[in-house]
PDB file of all heavy atoms in Angstrom:
ATOM      1  N   THR A   1       1.945  -5.803   4.563  1.00  0.00           N
ATOM      2  CA  THR A   1       1.386  -7.058   5.070  1.00  0.00           C
ATOM      3  C   THR A   1      -0.001  -7.305   4.486  1.00  0.00           C
ATOM      4  O   THR A   1      -0.328  -8.431   4.089  1.00  0.00           O
ATOM      5  CB  THR A   1       1.294  -7.023   6.604  1.00  0.00           C
ATOM      6  OG1 THR A   1       2.611  -6.864   7.146  1.00  0.00           O
ATOM      7  CG2 THR A   1       0.695  -8.309   7.157  1.00  0.00           C
ATOM      8  N   TYR A   2      -0.825  -6.281   4.427  1.00  0.00           N
ATOM      9  CA  TYR A   2      -2.206  -6.448   3.953  1.00  0.00           C
ATOM     10  C   TYR A   2      -2.286  -6.667   2.447  1.00  0.00           C
ATOM     11  O   TYR A   2      -3.237  -7.274   1.948  1.00  0.00           O
ATOM     12  CB  TYR A   2      -3.050  -5.223   4.323  1.00  0.00           C
ATOM     13  CG  TYR A   2      -3.096  -4.905   5.796  1.00  0.00           C
ATOM     14  CD1 TYR A   2      -3.276  -3.589   6.231  1.00  0.00           C
ATOM     15  CD2 TYR A   2      -2.968  -5.893   6.768  1.00  0.00           C
ATOM     16  CE1 TYR A   2      -3.326  -3.279   7.580  1.00  0.00           C
ATOM     17  CE2 TYR A   2      -3.007  -5.590   8.116  1.00  0.00           C
ATOM     18  CZ  TYR A   2      -3.188  -4.281   8.521  1.00  0.00           C
ATOM     19  OH  TYR A   2      -3.223  -3.975   9.863  1.00  0.00           O
ATOM     20  N   THR A   3      -1.294  -6.153   1.686  1.00  0.00           N
ATOM     21  CA  THR A   3      -1.347  -6.276   0.225  1.00  0.00           C
ATOM     22  C   THR A   3      -0.391  -7.330  -0.319  1.00  0.00           C
ATOM     23  O   THR A   3      -0.551  -7.781  -1.454  1.00  0.00           O
ATOM     24  CB  THR A   3      -0.994  -4.935  -0.456  1.00  0.00           C
ATOM     25  OG1 THR A   3       0.365  -4.590  -0.127  1.00  0.00           O
ATOM     26  CG2 THR A   3      -1.930  -3.825  -0.020  1.00  0.00           C
ATOM     27  N   GLY A   4       0.658  -7.672   0.452  1.00  0.00           N
ATOM     28  CA  GLY A   4       1.694  -8.566  -0.058  1.00  0.00           C
ATOM     29  C   GLY A   4       2.614  -7.897  -1.052  1.00  0.00           C
ATOM     30  O   GLY A   4       3.301  -8.573  -1.827  1.00  0.00           O
ATOM     31  N   ARG A   5       2.677  -6.560  -1.011  1.00  0.00           N
ATOM     32  CA  ARG A   5       3.470  -5.826  -2.009  1.00  0.00           C
ATOM     33  C   ARG A   5       4.496  -4.906  -1.353  1.00  0.00           C
ATOM     34  O   ARG A   5       4.348  -4.515  -0.193  1.00  0.00           O
ATOM     35  CB  ARG A   5       2.536  -5.028  -2.925  1.00  0.00           C
ATOM     36  CG  ARG A   5       1.838  -5.909  -3.956  1.00  0.00           C
ATOM     37  CD  ARG A   5       0.587  -5.289  -4.541  1.00  0.00           C
ATOM     38  NE  ARG A   5       0.791  -4.035  -5.249  1.00  0.00           N
ATOM     39  CZ  ARG A   5       1.282  -3.943  -6.489  1.00  0.00           C
ATOM     40  NH1 ARG A   5       1.670  -5.023  -7.150  1.00  0.00           N
ATOM     41  NH2 ARG A   5       1.389  -2.773  -7.071  1.00  0.00           N
ATOM     42  N   TYR A   6       5.532  -4.582  -2.118  1.00  0.00           N
ATOM     43  CA  TYR A   6       6.554  -3.659  -1.633  1.00  0.00           C
ATOM     44  C   TYR A   6       5.957  -2.264  -1.441  1.00  0.00           C
ATOM     45  O   TYR A   6       4.973  -1.884  -2.094  1.00  0.00           O
ATOM     46  CB  TYR A   6       7.716  -3.578  -2.621  1.00  0.00           C
ATOM     47  CG  TYR A   6       8.529  -4.830  -2.751  1.00  0.00           C
ATOM     48  CD1 TYR A   6       8.622  -5.479  -3.978  1.00  0.00           C
ATOM     49  CD2 TYR A   6       9.227  -5.361  -1.655  1.00  0.00           C
ATOM     50  CE1 TYR A   6       9.394  -6.630  -4.122  1.00  0.00           C
ATOM     51  CE2 TYR A   6       9.987  -6.501  -1.784  1.00  0.00           C
ATOM     52  CZ  TYR A   6      10.068  -7.138  -3.009  1.00  0.00           C
ATOM     53  OH  TYR A   6      10.818  -8.279  -3.150  1.00  0.00           O
ATOM     54  N   VAL A   7       6.601  -1.472  -0.579  1.00  0.00           N
ATOM     55  CA  VAL A   7       6.143  -0.102  -0.327  1.00  0.00           C
ATOM     56  C   VAL A   7       6.119   0.708  -1.618  1.00  0.00           C
ATOM     57  O   VAL A   7       5.187   1.473  -1.866  1.00  0.00           O
ATOM     58  CB  VAL A   7       7.046   0.567   0.732  1.00  0.00           C
ATOM     59  CG1 VAL A   7       6.667   2.037   0.912  1.00  0.00           C
ATOM     60  CG2 VAL A   7       6.939  -0.173   2.067  1.00  0.00           C
ATOM     61  N   ARG A   8       7.155   0.540  -2.444  1.00  0.00           N
ATOM     62  CA  ARG A   8       7.189   1.317  -3.699  1.00  0.00           C
ATOM     63  C   ARG A   8       6.027   0.959  -4.619  1.00  0.00           C
ATOM     64  O   ARG A   8       5.673   1.729  -5.515  1.00  0.00           O
ATOM     65  CB  ARG A   8       8.513   1.088  -4.419  1.00  0.00           C
ATOM     66  CG  ARG A   8       8.715  -0.323  -4.947  1.00  0.00           C
ATOM     67  CD  ARG A   8       9.967  -0.410  -5.803  1.00  0.00           C
ATOM     68  NE  ARG A   8      10.118  -1.752  -6.375  1.00  0.00           N
ATOM     69  CZ  ARG A   8      10.844  -2.716  -5.840  1.00  0.00           C
ATOM     70  NH1 ARG A   8      11.481  -2.499  -4.703  1.00  0.00           N
ATOM     71  NH2 ARG A   8      10.944  -3.905  -6.428  1.00  0.00           N
ATOM     72  N   SER A   9       5.435  -0.228  -4.424  1.00  0.00           N
ATOM     73  CA  SER A   9       4.317  -0.659  -5.269  1.00  0.00           C
ATOM     74  C   SER A   9       2.983  -0.149  -4.759  1.00  0.00           C
ATOM     75  O   SER A   9       2.159   0.346  -5.542  1.00  0.00           O
ATOM     76  CB  SER A   9       4.288  -2.191  -5.351  1.00  0.00           C
ATOM     77  OG  SER A   9       5.487  -2.689  -5.915  1.00  0.00           O
ATOM     78  N   HIS A  10       2.744  -0.272  -3.438  1.00  0.00           N
ATOM     79  CA  HIS A  10       1.410   0.125  -2.935  1.00  0.00           C
ATOM     80  C   HIS A  10       1.301   1.609  -2.625  1.00  0.00           C
ATOM     81  O   HIS A  10       0.202   2.133  -2.490  1.00  0.00           O
ATOM     82  CB  HIS A  10       0.995  -0.726  -1.729  1.00  0.00           C
ATOM     83  CG  HIS A  10       1.876  -0.624  -0.517  1.00  0.00           C
ATOM     84  ND1 HIS A  10       2.106   0.541   0.163  1.00  0.00           N
ATOM     85  CD2 HIS A  10       2.564  -1.598   0.150  1.00  0.00           C
ATOM     86  CE1 HIS A  10       2.884   0.308   1.214  1.00  0.00           C
ATOM     87  NE2 HIS A  10       3.196  -0.977   1.211  1.00  0.00           N
ATOM     88  N   GLY A  11       2.433   2.308  -2.519  1.00  0.00           N
ATOM     89  CA  GLY A  11       2.400   3.765  -2.449  1.00  0.00           C
ATOM     90  C   GLY A  11       2.321   4.371  -1.065  1.00  0.00           C
ATOM     91  O   GLY A  11       2.544   5.578  -0.909  1.00  0.00           O
ATOM     92  N   ALA A  12       2.008   3.608  -0.026  1.00  0.00           N
ATOM     93  CA  ALA A  12       1.899   4.157   1.328  1.00  0.00           C
ATOM     94  C   ALA A  12       3.290   4.200   1.942  1.00  0.00           C
ATOM     95  O   ALA A  12       3.695   3.317   2.695  1.00  0.00           O
ATOM     96  CB  ALA A  12       0.951   3.312   2.174  1.00  0.00           C
ATOM     97  N   SER A  13       4.047   5.250   1.616  1.00  0.00           N
ATOM     98  CA  SER A  13       5.474   5.299   1.920  1.00  0.00           C
ATOM     99  C   SER A  13       5.792   5.758   3.334  1.00  0.00           C
ATOM    100  O   SER A  13       6.926   5.620   3.794  1.00  0.00           O
ATOM    101  CB  SER A  13       6.180   6.220   0.919  1.00  0.00           C
ATOM    102  OG  SER A  13       5.572   7.508   0.935  1.00  0.00           O
ATOM    103  N   PHE A  14       4.813   6.303   4.043  1.00  0.00           N
ATOM    104  CA  PHE A  14       5.027   6.709   5.433  1.00  0.00           C
ATOM    105  C   PHE A  14       3.668   6.798   6.114  1.00  0.00           C
ATOM    106  O   PHE A  14       2.620   6.739   5.459  1.00  0.00           O
ATOM    107  CB  PHE A  14       5.767   8.061   5.505  1.00  0.00           C
ATOM    108  CG  PHE A  14       6.478   8.264   6.820  1.00  0.00           C
ATOM    109  CD1 PHE A  14       7.650   7.579   7.103  1.00  0.00           C
ATOM    110  CD2 PHE A  14       5.971   9.141   7.772  1.00  0.00           C
ATOM    111  CE1 PHE A  14       8.309   7.760   8.316  1.00  0.00           C
ATOM    112  CE2 PHE A  14       6.622   9.325   8.981  1.00  0.00           C
ATOM    113  CZ  PHE A  14       7.793   8.640   9.266  1.00  0.00           C
ATOM    114  N   ASN A  15       3.693   6.940   7.442  1.00  0.00           N
ATOM    115  CA  ASN A  15       2.437   7.109   8.168  1.00  0.00           C
ATOM    116  C   ASN A  15       1.669   8.306   7.613  1.00  0.00           C
ATOM    117  O   ASN A  15       2.236   9.383   7.403  1.00  0.00           O
ATOM    118  CB  ASN A  15       2.704   7.326   9.660  1.00  0.00           C
ATOM    119  CG  ASN A  15       3.265   6.100  10.340  1.00  0.00           C
ATOM    120  OD1 ASN A  15       3.112   4.981   9.854  1.00  0.00           O
ATOM    121  ND2 ASN A  15       3.921   6.297  11.470  1.00  0.00           N
ATOM    122  N   GLY A  16       0.383   8.119   7.368  1.00  0.00           N
ATOM    123  CA  GLY A  16      -0.440   9.199   6.844  1.00  0.00           C
ATOM    124  C   GLY A  16      -0.463   9.298   5.339  1.00  0.00           C
ATOM    125  O   GLY A  16      -1.258  10.055   4.782  1.00  0.00           O
ATOM    126  N   VAL A  17       0.406   8.546   4.659  1.00  0.00           N
ATOM    127  CA  VAL A  17       0.399   8.527   3.192  1.00  0.00           C
ATOM    128  C   VAL A  17      -0.586   7.458   2.736  1.00  0.00           C
ATOM    129  O   VAL A  17      -0.515   6.307   3.167  1.00  0.00           O
ATOM    130  CB  VAL A  17       1.800   8.246   2.627  1.00  0.00           C
ATOM    131  CG1 VAL A  17       1.766   8.167   1.107  1.00  0.00           C
ATOM    132  CG2 VAL A  17       2.784   9.319   3.088  1.00  0.00           C
ATOM    133  N   PRO A  18      -1.527   7.794   1.866  1.00  0.00           N
ATOM    134  CA  PRO A  18      -2.620   6.854   1.541  1.00  0.00           C
ATOM    135  C   PRO A  18      -2.161   5.594   0.818  1.00  0.00           C
ATOM    136  O   PRO A  18      -1.178   5.606   0.066  1.00  0.00           O
ATOM    137  CB  PRO A  18      -3.533   7.686   0.629  1.00  0.00           C
ATOM    138  CG  PRO A  18      -3.188   9.106   0.888  1.00  0.00           C
ATOM    139  CD  PRO A  18      -1.728   9.106   1.226  1.00  0.00           C
ATOM    140  N   LEU A  19      -2.888   4.524   1.070  1.00  0.00           N
ATOM    141  CA  LEU A  19      -2.780   3.310   0.257  1.00  0.00           C
ATOM    142  C   LEU A  19      -3.571   3.561  -1.022  1.00  0.00           C
ATOM    143  O   LEU A  19      -4.747   3.933  -0.975  1.00  0.00           O
ATOM    144  CB  LEU A  19      -3.363   2.119   1.014  1.00  0.00           C
ATOM    145  CG  LEU A  19      -3.382   0.787   0.258  1.00  0.00           C
ATOM    146  CD1 LEU A  19      -1.964   0.262   0.069  1.00  0.00           C
ATOM    147  CD2 LEU A  19      -4.238  -0.237   1.001  1.00  0.00           C
ATOM    148  N   ARG A  20      -2.935   3.343  -2.152  1.00  0.00           N
ATOM    149  CA  ARG A  20      -3.577   3.673  -3.415  1.00  0.00           C
ATOM    150  C   ARG A  20      -4.867   2.883  -3.634  1.00  0.00           C
ATOM    151  O   ARG A  20      -4.933   1.676  -3.382  1.00  0.00           O
ATOM    152  CB  ARG A  20      -2.641   3.382  -4.590  1.00  0.00           C
ATOM    153  CG  ARG A  20      -1.440   4.294  -4.696  1.00  0.00           C
ATOM    154  CD  ARG A  20      -0.779   4.146  -6.059  1.00  0.00           C
ATOM    155  NE  ARG A  20       0.495   4.814  -6.106  1.00  0.00           N
ATOM    156  CZ  ARG A  20       1.668   4.199  -6.001  1.00  0.00           C
ATOM    157  NH1 ARG A  20       1.708   2.884  -5.862  1.00  0.00           N
ATOM    158  NH2 ARG A  20       2.794   4.877  -6.054  1.00  0.00           N
ATOM    159  N   VAL A  21      -5.874   3.577  -4.112  1.00  0.00           N
ATOM    160  CA  VAL A  21      -7.097   2.892  -4.538  1.00  0.00           C
ATOM    161  C   VAL A  21      -6.734   1.856  -5.594  1.00  0.00           C
ATOM    162  O   VAL A  21      -5.925   2.114  -6.493  1.00  0.00           O
ATOM    163  CB  VAL A  21      -8.105   3.906  -5.119  1.00  0.00           C
ATOM    164  CG1 VAL A  21      -9.192   3.189  -5.896  1.00  0.00           C
ATOM    165  CG2 VAL A  21      -8.732   4.732  -4.019  1.00  0.00           C
ATOM    166  N   GLY A  22      -7.334   0.689  -5.480  1.00  0.00           N
ATOM    167  CA  GLY A  22      -7.084  -0.370  -6.446  1.00  0.00           C
ATOM    168  C   GLY A  22      -6.143  -1.442  -5.959  1.00  0.00           C
ATOM    169  O   GLY A  22      -6.032  -2.503  -6.594  1.00  0.00           O
ATOM    170  N   GLU A  23      -5.432  -1.193  -4.825  1.00  0.00           N
ATOM    171  CA  GLU A  23      -4.548  -2.219  -4.276  1.00  0.00           C
ATOM    172  C   GLU A  23      -5.389  -3.334  -3.657  1.00  0.00           C
ATOM    173  O   GLU A  23      -6.245  -3.082  -2.815  1.00  0.00           O
ATOM    174  CB  GLU A  23      -3.612  -1.625  -3.220  1.00  0.00           C
ATOM    175  CG  GLU A  23      -2.559  -0.687  -3.786  1.00  0.00           C
ATOM    176  CD  GLU A  23      -1.546  -1.407  -4.661  1.00  0.00           C
ATOM    177  OE1 GLU A  23      -1.233  -2.584  -4.380  1.00  0.00           O
ATOM    178  OE2 GLU A  23      -1.064  -0.792  -5.628  1.00  0.00           O
ATOM    179  N   MET A  24      -5.145  -4.559  -4.061  1.00  0.00           N
ATOM    180  CA  MET A  24      -5.847  -5.709  -3.499  1.00  0.00           C
ATOM    181  C   MET A  24      -5.302  -6.015  -2.107  1.00  0.00           C
ATOM    182  O   MET A  24      -4.087  -6.058  -1.900  1.00  0.00           O
ATOM    183  CB  MET A  24      -5.678  -6.924  -4.404  1.00  0.00           C
ATOM    184  CG  MET A  24      -6.366  -6.810  -5.743  1.00  0.00           C
ATOM    185  SD  MET A  24      -8.164  -7.010  -5.628  1.00  0.00           S
ATOM    186  CE  MET A  24      -8.273  -8.782  -5.308  1.00  0.00           C
ATOM    187  N   THR A  25      -6.203  -6.219  -1.155  1.00  0.00           N
ATOM    188  CA  THR A  25      -5.810  -6.499   0.214  1.00  0.00           C
ATOM    189  C   THR A  25      -6.327  -7.877   0.647  1.00  0.00           C
ATOM    190  O   THR A  25      -7.035  -8.554  -0.113  1.00  0.00           O
ATOM    191  CB  THR A  25      -6.368  -5.435   1.167  1.00  0.00           C
ATOM    192  OG1 THR A  25      -7.799  -5.503   1.154  1.00  0.00           O
ATOM    193  CG2 THR A  25      -5.914  -4.034   0.764  1.00  0.00           C
ATOM    194  N   ILE A  26      -5.987  -8.262   1.869  1.00  0.00           N
ATOM    195  CA  ILE A  26      -6.445  -9.543   2.406  1.00  0.00           C
ATOM    196  C   ILE A  26      -7.958  -9.688   2.246  1.00  0.00           C
ATOM    197  O   ILE A  26      -8.459 -10.725   1.803  1.00  0.00           O
ATOM    198  CB  ILE A  26      -6.054  -9.655   3.887  1.00  0.00           C
ATOM    199  CG1 ILE A  26      -4.540  -9.770   4.033  1.00  0.00           C
ATOM    200  CG2 ILE A  26      -6.736 -10.855   4.551  1.00  0.00           C
ATOM    201  CD1 ILE A  26      -4.047  -9.671   5.468  1.00  0.00           C
TER     202      ILE A  26
END
């Protein structure tokens, strides 16, 4: 929701898995 991207794209695949640095957010 915050990035507008699929899970496979932003990398945060489960709770506790980091959102990759560099992902554009709201």
